């Protein structure tokens, strides 16, 4: 019996970007960043908004930064004065917003 190569007959898998693993948690983190207009979202707050563990959120944020879709900066406070570590704030880059618009439904408002 002859073997068949079925790879030609499989429907193409939609891939938003070869650089990002697009999962439901990734979508939730991106949604939180898209909806925030204050540029004041830090990892723990994103965890609260999305109901995801920080151990899930942080790798997603790191991945978004690595591919240039997000950027971060530390708040300028003295940790001793505020009694906690400095927060690292995240926001989408223009490139990130553009790439996300390409793969998301046009019916969604992105605040632009």
PDB file of N, CA and C in Angstrom:
ATOM      1  N   UNK A   1       0.846  -1.179   0.000  1.00  0.00           N
ATOM      2  CA  UNK A   1       0.000   0.000   0.000  1.00  0.00           C
ATOM      3  C   UNK A   1       0.890   1.240   0.000  1.00  0.00           C
ATOM      4  N   UNK A   2       0.546   2.202  -0.798  1.00  0.00           N
ATOM      5  CA  UNK A   2       1.335   3.423  -0.950  1.00  0.00           C
ATOM      6  C   UNK A   2       0.976   4.440   0.140  1.00  0.00           C
ATOM      7  N   UNK A   3       1.990   5.097   0.700  1.00  0.00           N
ATOM      8  CA  UNK A   3       1.754   6.132   1.720  1.00  0.00           C
ATOM      9  C   UNK A   3       1.368   7.436   1.036  1.00  0.00           C
ATOM     10  N   UNK A   4       0.450   8.142   1.653  1.00  0.00           N
ATOM     11  CA  UNK A   4      -0.011   9.417   1.106  1.00  0.00           C
ATOM     12  C   UNK A   4       0.529  10.561   1.948  1.00  0.00           C
ATOM     13  N   UNK A   5       0.884  11.636   1.275  1.00  0.00           N
ATOM     14  CA  UNK A   5       1.293  12.852   1.971  1.00  0.00           C
ATOM     15  C   UNK A   5       0.051  13.707   2.127  1.00  0.00           C
ATOM     16  N   UNK A   6      -0.472  13.754   3.339  1.00  0.00           N
ATOM     17  CA  UNK A   6      -1.707  14.494   3.586  1.00  0.00           C
ATOM     18  C   UNK A   6      -1.467  15.970   3.887  1.00  0.00           C
ATOM     19  N   UNK A   7      -0.216  16.372   3.968  1.00  0.00           N
ATOM     20  CA  UNK A   7       0.062  17.763   4.336  1.00  0.00           C
ATOM     21  C   UNK A   7      -0.536  18.748   3.338  1.00  0.00           C
ATOM     22  N   UNK A   8      -0.647  18.351   2.084  1.00  0.00           N
ATOM     23  CA  UNK A   8      -1.242  19.247   1.084  1.00  0.00           C
ATOM     24  C   UNK A   8      -2.740  19.401   1.277  1.00  0.00           C
ATOM     25  N   UNK A   9      -3.356  18.444   1.949  1.00  0.00           N
ATOM     26  CA  UNK A   9      -4.810  18.420   2.061  1.00  0.00           C
ATOM     27  C   UNK A   9      -5.325  18.963   3.386  1.00  0.00           C
ATOM     28  N   UNK A  10      -4.431  19.321   4.271  1.00  0.00           N
ATOM     29  CA  UNK A  10      -4.854  19.901   5.543  1.00  0.00           C
ATOM     30  C   UNK A  10      -5.214  21.367   5.332  1.00  0.00           C
ATOM     31  N   UNK A  11      -6.273  21.816   5.979  1.00  0.00           N
ATOM     32  CA  UNK A  11      -6.572  23.253   5.873  1.00  0.00           C
ATOM     33  C   UNK A  11      -5.472  24.048   6.550  1.00  0.00           C
ATOM     34  N   UNK A  12      -5.147  25.204   6.010  1.00  0.00           N
ATOM     35  CA  UNK A  12      -4.098  26.015   6.639  1.00  0.00           C
ATOM     36  C   UNK A  12      -4.522  26.457   8.031  1.00  0.00           C
ATOM     37  N   UNK A  13      -3.591  26.433   8.932  1.00  0.00           N
ATOM     38  CA  UNK A  13      -3.853  26.892  10.291  1.00  0.00           C
ATOM     39  C   UNK A  13      -3.618  28.389  10.336  1.00  0.00           C
ATOM     40  N   UNK A  14      -4.635  29.162  10.748  1.00  0.00           N
ATOM     41  CA  UNK A  14      -4.405  30.605  10.822  1.00  0.00           C
ATOM     42  C   UNK A  14      -3.383  30.917  11.901  1.00  0.00           C
ATOM     43  N   UNK A  15      -2.372  31.647  11.542  1.00  0.00           N
ATOM     44  CA  UNK A  15      -1.322  32.033  12.471  1.00  0.00           C
ATOM     45  C   UNK A  15      -1.195  33.543  12.453  1.00  0.00           C
ATOM     46  N   UNK A  16      -1.543  34.208  13.559  1.00  0.00           N
ATOM     47  CA  UNK A  16      -1.455  35.663  13.599  1.00  0.00           C
ATOM     48  C   UNK A  16      -0.047  36.167  13.340  1.00  0.00           C
ATOM     49  N   UNK A  17       0.924  35.505  13.882  1.00  0.00           N
ATOM     50  CA  UNK A  17       2.303  35.911  13.694  1.00  0.00           C
ATOM     51  C   UNK A  17       3.174  34.712  14.004  1.00  0.00           C
ATOM     52  N   UNK A  18       4.192  34.467  13.188  1.00  0.00           N
ATOM     53  CA  UNK A  18       5.066  33.350  13.500  1.00  0.00           C
ATOM     54  C   UNK A  18       5.892  33.596  14.760  1.00  0.00           C
ATOM     55  N   UNK A  19       5.885  34.813  15.250  1.00  0.00           N
ATOM     56  CA  UNK A  19       6.715  35.168  16.392  1.00  0.00           C
ATOM     57  C   UNK A  19       5.991  35.056  17.734  1.00  0.00           C
ATOM     58  N   UNK A  20       4.699  34.813  17.728  1.00  0.00           N
ATOM     59  CA  UNK A  20       3.958  34.800  18.985  1.00  0.00           C
ATOM     60  C   UNK A  20       3.112  33.539  19.081  1.00  0.00           C
ATOM     61  N   UNK A  21       3.102  32.969  20.253  1.00  0.00           N
ATOM     62  CA  UNK A  21       2.247  31.826  20.528  1.00  0.00           C
ATOM     63  C   UNK A  21       0.898  32.395  20.945  1.00  0.00           C
ATOM     64  N   UNK A  22      -0.075  32.313  20.062  1.00  0.00           N
ATOM     65  CA  UNK A  22      -1.363  32.961  20.285  1.00  0.00           C
ATOM     66  C   UNK A  22      -2.278  32.026  21.050  1.00  0.00           C
ATOM     67  N   UNK A  23      -2.454  32.293  22.334  1.00  0.00           N
ATOM     68  CA  UNK A  23      -3.290  31.467  23.198  1.00  0.00           C
ATOM     69  C   UNK A  23      -4.409  32.322  23.773  1.00  0.00           C
ATOM     70  N   UNK A  24      -5.343  31.678  24.438  1.00  0.00           N
ATOM     71  CA  UNK A  24      -6.420  32.431  25.085  1.00  0.00           C
ATOM     72  C   UNK A  24      -5.841  33.368  26.155  1.00  0.00           C
ATOM     73  N   UNK A  25      -4.937  32.906  27.029  1.00  0.00           N
ATOM     74  CA  UNK A  25      -4.345  33.856  27.985  1.00  0.00           C
ATOM     75  C   UNK A  25      -3.613  35.013  27.306  1.00  0.00           C
ATOM     76  N   UNK A  26      -2.939  34.742  26.185  1.00  0.00           N
ATOM     77  CA  UNK A  26      -2.278  35.827  25.448  1.00  0.00           C
ATOM     78  C   UNK A  26      -3.315  36.843  24.986  1.00  0.00           C
ATOM     79  N   UNK A  27      -4.426  36.366  24.491  1.00  0.00           N
ATOM     80  CA  UNK A  27      -5.507  37.250  24.047  1.00  0.00           C
ATOM     81  C   UNK A  27      -6.005  38.103  25.208  1.00  0.00           C
ATOM     82  N   UNK A  28      -6.177  37.509  26.380  1.00  0.00           N
ATOM     83  CA  UNK A  28      -6.665  38.263  27.540  1.00  0.00           C
ATOM     84  C   UNK A  28      -5.673  39.340  27.962  1.00  0.00           C
ATOM     85  N   UNK A  29      -4.389  39.007  27.955  1.00  0.00           N
ATOM     86  CA  UNK A  29      -3.372  39.999  28.322  1.00  0.00           C
ATOM     87  C   UNK A  29      -3.358  41.132  27.298  1.00  0.00           C
ATOM     88  N   UNK A  30      -3.409  40.788  26.023  1.00  0.00           N
ATOM     89  CA  UNK A  30      -3.443  41.810  24.977  1.00  0.00           C
ATOM     90  C   UNK A  30      -4.690  42.670  25.117  1.00  0.00           C
ATOM     91  N   UNK A  31      -5.837  42.049  25.382  1.00  0.00           N
ATOM     92  CA  UNK A  31      -7.072  42.820  25.572  1.00  0.00           C
ATOM     93  C   UNK A  31      -6.921  43.816  26.711  1.00  0.00           C
ATOM     94  N   UNK A  32      -6.301  43.400  27.809  1.00  0.00           N
ATOM     95  CA  UNK A  32      -6.103  44.314  28.943  1.00  0.00           C
ATOM     96  C   UNK A  32      -5.235  45.488  28.522  1.00  0.00           C
ATOM     97  N   UNK A  33      -4.182  45.214  27.763  1.00  0.00           N
ATOM     98  CA  UNK A  33      -3.294  46.287  27.308  1.00  0.00           C
ATOM     99  C   UNK A  33      -3.978  47.196  26.296  1.00  0.00           C
ATOM    100  N   UNK A  34      -4.786  46.624  25.419  1.00  0.00           N
ATOM    101  CA  UNK A  34      -5.496  47.411  24.406  1.00  0.00           C
ATOM    102  C   UNK A  34      -6.490  48.351  25.069  1.00  0.00           C
ATOM    103  N   UNK A  35      -7.193  47.855  26.068  1.00  0.00           N
ATOM    104  CA  UNK A  35      -8.245  48.641  26.707  1.00  0.00           C
ATOM    105  C   UNK A  35      -7.713  49.711  27.654  1.00  0.00           C
ATOM    106  N   UNK A  36      -6.459  49.572  28.088  1.00  0.00           N
ATOM    107  CA  UNK A  36      -5.881  50.550  29.008  1.00  0.00           C
ATOM    108  C   UNK A  36      -5.358  51.752  28.233  1.00  0.00           C
ATOM    109  N   UNK A  37      -5.779  52.931  28.629  1.00  0.00           N
ATOM    110  CA  UNK A  37      -5.300  54.141  27.957  1.00  0.00           C
ATOM    111  C   UNK A  37      -4.378  54.956  28.863  1.00  0.00           C
ATOM    112  N   UNK A  38      -4.173  54.475  30.088  1.00  0.00           N
ATOM    113  CA  UNK A  38      -3.383  55.253  31.046  1.00  0.00           C
ATOM    114  C   UNK A  38      -1.889  54.930  31.002  1.00  0.00           C
ATOM    115  N   UNK A  39      -1.497  53.846  30.344  1.00  0.00           N
ATOM    116  CA  UNK A  39      -0.111  53.380  30.351  1.00  0.00           C
ATOM    117  C   UNK A  39       0.357  53.080  31.772  1.00  0.00           C
ATOM    118  N   UNK A  40      -0.554  52.716  32.638  1.00  0.00           N
ATOM    119  CA  UNK A  40      -0.228  52.449  34.034  1.00  0.00           C
ATOM    120  C   UNK A  40      -0.539  51.014  34.435  1.00  0.00           C
ATOM    121  N   UNK A  41      -0.459  50.065  33.479  1.00  0.00           N
ATOM    122  CA  UNK A  41      -0.730  48.669  33.814  1.00  0.00           C
ATOM    123  C   UNK A  41       0.556  47.960  34.181  1.00  0.00           C
ATOM    124  N   UNK A  42       0.580  47.380  35.345  1.00  0.00           N
ATOM    125  CA  UNK A  42       1.734  46.617  35.796  1.00  0.00           C
ATOM    126  C   UNK A  42       1.310  45.146  35.893  1.00  0.00           C
ATOM    127  N   UNK A  43       2.290  44.255  35.976  1.00  0.00           N
ATOM    128  CA  UNK A  43       2.018  42.827  35.902  1.00  0.00           C
ATOM    129  C   UNK A  43       0.953  42.333  36.855  1.00  0.00           C
ATOM    130  N   UNK A  44       1.022  42.731  38.137  1.00  0.00           N
ATOM    131  CA  UNK A  44       0.039  42.264  39.115  1.00  0.00           C
ATOM    132  C   UNK A  44      -1.368  42.764  38.771  1.00  0.00           C
ATOM    133  N   UNK A  45      -1.453  43.981  38.272  1.00  0.00           N
ATOM    134  CA  UNK A  45      -2.770  44.526  37.884  1.00  0.00           C
ATOM    135  C   UNK A  45      -3.327  43.763  36.680  1.00  0.00           C
ATOM    136  N   UNK A  46      -2.467  43.431  35.721  1.00  0.00           N
ATOM    137  CA  UNK A  46      -2.904  42.651  34.556  1.00  0.00           C
ATOM    138  C   UNK A  46      -3.384  41.277  35.021  1.00  0.00           C
ATOM    139  N   UNK A  47      -2.702  40.702  36.012  1.00  0.00           N
ATOM    140  CA  UNK A  47      -3.141  39.421  36.578  1.00  0.00           C
ATOM    141  C   UNK A  47      -4.535  39.539  37.186  1.00  0.00           C
ATOM    142  N   UNK A  48      -4.796  40.643  37.891  1.00  0.00           N
ATOM    143  CA  UNK A  48      -6.116  40.864  38.483  1.00  0.00           C
ATOM    144  C   UNK A  48      -7.185  41.020  37.405  1.00  0.00           C
ATOM    145  N   UNK A  49      -6.886  41.828  36.392  1.00  0.00           N
ATOM    146  CA  UNK A  49      -7.856  42.091  35.324  1.00  0.00           C
ATOM    147  C   UNK A  49      -8.210  40.815  34.568  1.00  0.00           C
ATOM    148  N   UNK A  50      -7.192  40.021  34.263  1.00  0.00           N
ATOM    149  CA  UNK A  50      -7.394  38.829  33.429  1.00  0.00           C
ATOM    150  C   UNK A  50      -7.747  37.587  34.234  1.00  0.00           C
ATOM    151  N   UNK A  51      -7.584  37.662  35.547  1.00  0.00           N
ATOM    152  CA  UNK A  51      -7.807  36.504  36.416  1.00  0.00           C
ATOM    153  C   UNK A  51      -6.803  35.382  36.121  1.00  0.00           C
ATOM    154  N   UNK A  52      -5.616  35.741  35.681  1.00  0.00           N
ATOM    155  CA  UNK A  52      -4.551  34.788  35.398  1.00  0.00           C
ATOM    156  C   UNK A  52      -3.469  34.899  36.469  1.00  0.00           C
ATOM    157  N   UNK A  53      -2.796  33.798  36.727  1.00  0.00           N
ATOM    158  CA  UNK A  53      -1.686  33.816  37.675  1.00  0.00           C
ATOM    159  C   UNK A  53      -0.533  34.654  37.123  1.00  0.00           C
ATOM    160  N   UNK A  54       0.205  35.324  38.007  1.00  0.00           N
ATOM    161  CA  UNK A  54       1.381  36.077  37.543  1.00  0.00           C
ATOM    162  C   UNK A  54       2.372  35.200  36.775  1.00  0.00           C
ATOM    163  N   UNK A  55       2.453  33.923  37.121  1.00  0.00           N
ATOM    164  CA  UNK A  55       3.342  33.009  36.421  1.00  0.00           C
ATOM    165  C   UNK A  55       2.916  32.735  34.983  1.00  0.00           C
ATOM    166  N   UNK A  56       1.691  33.076  34.659  1.00  0.00           N
ATOM    167  CA  UNK A  56       1.201  32.993  33.279  1.00  0.00           C
ATOM    168  C   UNK A  56       1.371  34.338  32.581  1.00  0.00           C
ATOM    169  N   UNK A  57       1.073  35.413  33.293  1.00  0.00           N
ATOM    170  CA  UNK A  57       1.098  36.760  32.712  1.00  0.00           C
ATOM    171  C   UNK A  57       2.519  37.211  32.375  1.00  0.00           C
ATOM    172  N   UNK A  58       3.458  37.011  33.290  1.00  0.00           N
ATOM    173  CA  UNK A  58       4.814  37.528  33.083  1.00  0.00           C
ATOM    174  C   UNK A  58       5.488  36.971  31.826  1.00  0.00           C
ATOM    175  N   UNK A  59       5.417  35.661  31.560  1.00  0.00           N
ATOM    176  CA  UNK A  59       6.022  35.166  30.310  1.00  0.00           C
ATOM    177  C   UNK A  59       5.364  35.734  29.053  1.00  0.00           C
ATOM    178  N   UNK A  60       4.058  35.972  29.120  1.00  0.00           N
ATOM    179  CA  UNK A  60       3.359  36.567  27.971  1.00  0.00           C
ATOM    180  C   UNK A  60       3.866  37.984  27.748  1.00  0.00           C
ATOM    181  N   UNK A  61       3.978  38.765  28.820  1.00  0.00           N
ATOM    182  CA  UNK A  61       4.479  40.134  28.701  1.00  0.00           C
ATOM    183  C   UNK A  61       5.912  40.145  28.172  1.00  0.00           C
ATOM    184  N   UNK A  62       6.737  39.220  28.662  1.00  0.00           N
ATOM    185  CA  UNK A  62       8.125  39.140  28.189  1.00  0.00           C
ATOM    186  C   UNK A  62       8.158  38.805  26.699  1.00  0.00           C
ATOM    187  N   UNK A  63       7.291  37.902  26.265  1.00  0.00           N
ATOM    188  CA  UNK A  63       7.229  37.529  24.852  1.00  0.00           C
ATOM    189  C   UNK A  63       6.779  38.717  23.995  1.00  0.00           C
ATOM    190  N   UNK A  64       5.775  39.449  24.468  1.00  0.00           N
ATOM    191  CA  UNK A  64       5.296  40.622  23.725  1.00  0.00           C
ATOM    192  C   UNK A  64       6.387  41.679  23.616  1.00  0.00           C
ATOM    193  N   UNK A  65       7.169  41.844  24.667  1.00  0.00           N
ATOM    194  CA  UNK A  65       8.292  42.787  24.608  1.00  0.00           C
ATOM    195  C   UNK A  65       9.363  42.310  23.631  1.00  0.00           C
ATOM    196  N   UNK A  66       9.666  41.032  23.685  1.00  0.00           N
ATOM    197  CA  UNK A  66      10.726  40.477  22.847  1.00  0.00           C
ATOM    198  C   UNK A  66      10.425  40.652  21.357  1.00  0.00           C
ATOM    199  N   UNK A  67       9.156  40.558  20.975  1.00  0.00           N
ATOM    200  CA  UNK A  67       8.815  40.709  19.552  1.00  0.00           C
ATOM    201  C   UNK A  67       8.484  42.151  19.183  1.00  0.00           C
ATOM    202  N   UNK A  68       8.569  43.058  20.158  1.00  0.00           N
ATOM    203  CA  UNK A  68       8.365  44.476  19.869  1.00  0.00           C
ATOM    204  C   UNK A  68       6.924  44.942  19.895  1.00  0.00           C
ATOM    205  N   UNK A  69       6.032  44.118  20.436  1.00  0.00           N
ATOM    206  CA  UNK A  69       4.622  44.508  20.506  1.00  0.00           C
ATOM    207  C   UNK A  69       4.311  45.297  21.766  1.00  0.00           C
ATOM    208  N   UNK A  70       5.153  45.188  22.787  1.00  0.00           N
ATOM    209  CA  UNK A  70       4.943  45.896  24.050  1.00  0.00           C
ATOM    210  C   UNK A  70       6.281  46.445  24.520  1.00  0.00           C
ATOM    211  N   UNK A  71       6.185  47.406  25.413  1.00  0.00           N
ATOM    212  CA  UNK A  71       7.381  47.954  26.039  1.00  0.00           C
ATOM    213  C   UNK A  71       7.054  48.197  27.500  1.00  0.00           C
ATOM    214  N   UNK A  72       8.095  48.287  28.298  1.00  0.00           N
ATOM    215  CA  UNK A  72       7.878  48.473  29.725  1.00  0.00           C
ATOM    216  C   UNK A  72       8.855  49.496  30.276  1.00  0.00           C
ATOM    217  N   UNK A  73       8.476  50.017  31.420  1.00  0.00           N
ATOM    218  CA  UNK A  73       9.367  50.927  32.144  1.00  0.00           C
ATOM    219  C   UNK A  73       9.045  50.804  33.630  1.00  0.00           C
ATOM    220  N   UNK A  74      10.080  51.023  34.458  1.00  0.00           N
ATOM    221  CA  UNK A  74       9.875  50.958  35.900  1.00  0.00           C
ATOM    222  C   UNK A  74       9.422  52.314  36.410  1.00  0.00           C
ATOM    223  N   UNK A  75       8.536  52.290  37.384  1.00  0.00           N
ATOM    224  CA  UNK A  75       8.120  53.553  37.991  1.00  0.00           C
ATOM    225  C   UNK A  75       9.297  54.153  38.743  1.00  0.00           C
ATOM    226  N   UNK A  76       9.310  55.446  38.814  1.00  0.00           N
ATOM    227  CA  UNK A  76      10.410  56.174  39.439  1.00  0.00           C
ATOM    228  C   UNK A  76      10.045  56.509  40.883  1.00  0.00           C
ATOM    229  N   UNK A  77      10.180  55.504  41.745  1.00  0.00           N
ATOM    230  CA  UNK A  77       9.922  55.702  43.178  1.00  0.00           C
ATOM    231  C   UNK A  77      11.029  55.020  43.969  1.00  0.00           C
ATOM    232  N   UNK A  78      11.156  55.425  45.199  1.00  0.00           N
ATOM    233  CA  UNK A  78      12.066  54.749  46.117  1.00  0.00           C
ATOM    234  C   UNK A  78      11.269  53.624  46.780  1.00  0.00           C
ATOM    235  N   UNK A  79      11.645  52.365  46.548  1.00  0.00           N
ATOM    236  CA  UNK A  79      10.890  51.251  47.124  1.00  0.00           C
ATOM    237  C   UNK A  79      10.752  51.328  48.649  1.00  0.00           C
ATOM    238  N   UNK A  80      11.766  51.846  49.322  1.00  0.00           N
ATOM    239  CA  UNK A  80      11.671  51.978  50.789  1.00  0.00           C
ATOM    240  C   UNK A  80      10.623  53.008  51.168  1.00  0.00           C
ATOM    241  N   UNK A  81      10.524  54.071  50.389  1.00  0.00           N
ATOM    242  CA  UNK A  81       9.565  55.135  50.713  1.00  0.00           C
ATOM    243  C   UNK A  81       8.121  54.673  50.505  1.00  0.00           C
ATOM    244  N   UNK A  82       7.894  53.845  49.492  1.00  0.00           N
ATOM    245  CA  UNK A  82       6.518  53.400  49.213  1.00  0.00           C
ATOM    246  C   UNK A  82       6.207  52.047  49.847  1.00  0.00           C
ATOM    247  N   UNK A  83       7.229  51.396  50.406  1.00  0.00           N
ATOM    248  CA  UNK A  83       7.008  50.149  51.119  1.00  0.00           C
ATOM    249  C   UNK A  83       6.711  48.939  50.238  1.00  0.00           C
ATOM    250  N   UNK A  84       7.186  48.969  48.996  1.00  0.00           N
ATOM    251  CA  UNK A  84       6.974  47.853  48.062  1.00  0.00           C
ATOM    252  C   UNK A  84       7.993  47.981  46.941  1.00  0.00           C
ATOM    253  N   UNK A  85       8.199  46.909  46.183  1.00  0.00           N
ATOM    254  CA  UNK A  85       9.093  47.013  45.028  1.00  0.00           C
ATOM    255  C   UNK A  85       8.530  47.969  43.970  1.00  0.00           C
ATOM    256  N   UNK A  86       9.412  48.501  43.138  1.00  0.00           N
ATOM    257  CA  UNK A  86       8.955  49.352  42.040  1.00  0.00           C
ATOM    258  C   UNK A  86       8.086  48.531  41.080  1.00  0.00           C
ATOM    259  N   UNK A  87       7.089  49.173  40.523  1.00  0.00           N
ATOM    260  CA  UNK A  87       6.234  48.508  39.548  1.00  0.00           C
ATOM    261  C   UNK A  87       6.820  48.668  38.148  1.00  0.00           C
ATOM    262  N   UNK A  88       6.637  47.644  37.362  1.00  0.00           N
ATOM    263  CA  UNK A  88       7.055  47.686  35.964  1.00  0.00           C
ATOM    264  C   UNK A  88       5.782  47.850  35.135  1.00  0.00           C
ATOM    265  N   UNK A  89       5.668  48.996  34.473  1.00  0.00           N
ATOM    266  CA  UNK A  89       4.471  49.306  33.695  1.00  0.00           C
ATOM    267  C   UNK A  89       4.639  48.852  32.244  1.00  0.00           C
ATOM    268  N   UNK A  90       3.568  48.332  31.691  1.00  0.00           N
ATOM    269  CA  UNK A  90       3.571  47.814  30.317  1.00  0.00           C
ATOM    270  C   UNK A  90       2.572  48.573  29.464  1.00  0.00           C
ATOM    271  N   UNK A  91       2.924  48.709  28.194  1.00  0.00           N
ATOM    272  CA  UNK A  91       1.997  49.286  27.220  1.00  0.00           C
ATOM    273  C   UNK A  91       2.321  48.706  25.853  1.00  0.00           C
ATOM    274  N   UNK A  92       1.324  48.707  24.982  1.00  0.00           N
ATOM    275  CA  UNK A  92       1.546  48.247  23.617  1.00  0.00           C
ATOM    276  C   UNK A  92       2.302  49.304  22.833  1.00  0.00           C
ATOM    277  N   UNK A  93       3.153  48.873  21.938  1.00  0.00           N
ATOM    278  CA  UNK A  93       3.834  49.798  21.037  1.00  0.00           C
ATOM    279  C   UNK A  93       2.921  50.056  19.837  1.00  0.00           C
ATOM    280  N   UNK A  94       3.258  51.049  19.057  1.00  0.00           N
ATOM    281  CA  UNK A  94       2.496  51.308  17.825  1.00  0.00           C
ATOM    282  C   UNK A  94       2.547  50.080  16.921  1.00  0.00           C
ATOM    283  N   UNK A  95       3.731  49.485  16.823  1.00  0.00           N
ATOM    284  CA  UNK A  95       3.868  48.277  16.004  1.00  0.00           C
ATOM    285  C   UNK A  95       2.947  47.177  16.524  1.00  0.00           C
ATOM    286  N   UNK A  96       2.923  46.996  17.842  1.00  0.00           N
ATOM    287  CA  UNK A  96       2.063  45.986  18.448  1.00  0.00           C
ATOM    288  C   UNK A  96       0.600  46.226  18.141  1.00  0.00           C
ATOM    289  N   UNK A  97       0.167  47.481  18.288  1.00  0.00           N
ATOM    290  CA  UNK A  97      -1.239  47.801  17.966  1.00  0.00           C
ATOM    291  C   UNK A  97      -1.544  47.507  16.504  1.00  0.00           C
ATOM    292  N   UNK A  98      -0.603  47.843  15.621  1.00  0.00           N
ATOM    293  CA  UNK A  98      -0.803  47.583  14.195  1.00  0.00           C
ATOM    294  C   UNK A  98      -0.895  46.101  13.892  1.00  0.00           C
ATOM    295  N   UNK A  99      -0.007  45.309  14.489  1.00  0.00           N
ATOM    296  CA  UNK A  99      -0.027  43.863  14.260  1.00  0.00           C
ATOM    297  C   UNK A  99      -1.297  43.244  14.825  1.00  0.00           C
ATOM    298  N   UNK A 100      -1.715  43.704  15.984  1.00  0.00           N
ATOM    299  CA  UNK A 100      -2.926  43.170  16.604  1.00  0.00           C
ATOM    300  C   UNK A 100      -4.145  43.494  15.753  1.00  0.00           C
ATOM    301  N   UNK A 101      -4.199  44.700  15.214  1.00  0.00           N
ATOM    302  CA  UNK A 101      -5.324  45.074  14.347  1.00  0.00           C
ATOM    303  C   UNK A 101      -5.422  44.168  13.126  1.00  0.00           C
ATOM    304  N   UNK A 102      -4.281  43.713  12.631  1.00  0.00           N
ATOM    305  CA  UNK A 102      -4.278  42.847  11.450  1.00  0.00           C
ATOM    306  C   UNK A 102      -4.937  41.498  11.716  1.00  0.00           C
ATOM    307  N   UNK A 103      -4.838  41.018  12.945  1.00  0.00           N
ATOM    308  CA  UNK A 103      -5.326  39.677  13.240  1.00  0.00           C
ATOM    309  C   UNK A 103      -6.627  39.640  14.033  1.00  0.00           C
ATOM    310  N   UNK A 104      -7.069  40.784  14.488  1.00  0.00           N
ATOM    311  CA  UNK A 104      -8.303  40.833  15.279  1.00  0.00           C
ATOM    312  C   UNK A 104      -9.463  41.301  14.443  1.00  0.00           C
ATOM    313  N   UNK A 105     -10.650  41.081  14.946  1.00  0.00           N
ATOM    314  CA  UNK A 105     -11.872  41.450  14.246  1.00  0.00           C
ATOM    315  C   UNK A 105     -11.952  42.962  14.039  1.00  0.00           C
ATOM    316  N   UNK A 106     -12.312  43.399  12.830  1.00  0.00           N
ATOM    317  CA  UNK A 106     -12.452  44.844  12.598  1.00  0.00           C
ATOM    318  C   UNK A 106     -13.600  45.458  13.400  1.00  0.00           C
ATOM    319  N   UNK A 107     -14.472  44.630  13.952  1.00  0.00           N
ATOM    320  CA  UNK A 107     -15.598  45.148  14.717  1.00  0.00           C
ATOM    321  C   UNK A 107     -15.181  45.623  16.106  1.00  0.00           C
ATOM    322  N   UNK A 108     -13.977  45.263  16.542  1.00  0.00           N
ATOM    323  CA  UNK A 108     -13.510  45.654  17.868  1.00  0.00           C
ATOM    324  C   UNK A 108     -12.926  47.050  17.812  1.00  0.00           C
ATOM    325  N   UNK A 109     -13.324  47.883  18.752  1.00  0.00           N
ATOM    326  CA  UNK A 109     -12.768  49.223  18.831  1.00  0.00           C
ATOM    327  C   UNK A 109     -11.453  49.163  19.600  1.00  0.00           C
ATOM    328  N   UNK A 110     -10.417  49.783  19.060  1.00  0.00           N
ATOM    329  CA  UNK A 110      -9.102  49.753  19.670  1.00  0.00           C
ATOM    330  C   UNK A 110      -8.736  51.081  20.305  1.00  0.00           C
ATOM    331  N   UNK A 111      -9.666  51.993  20.422  1.00  0.00           N
ATOM    332  CA  UNK A 111      -9.393  53.242  21.094  1.00  0.00           C
ATOM    333  C   UNK A 111      -8.540  54.217  20.317  1.00  0.00           C
ATOM    334  N   UNK A 112      -8.437  54.028  18.990  1.00  0.00           N
ATOM    335  CA  UNK A 112      -7.649  54.954  18.166  1.00  0.00           C
ATOM    336  C   UNK A 112      -8.537  55.974  17.491  1.00  0.00           C
TER     337      UNK A 112
END
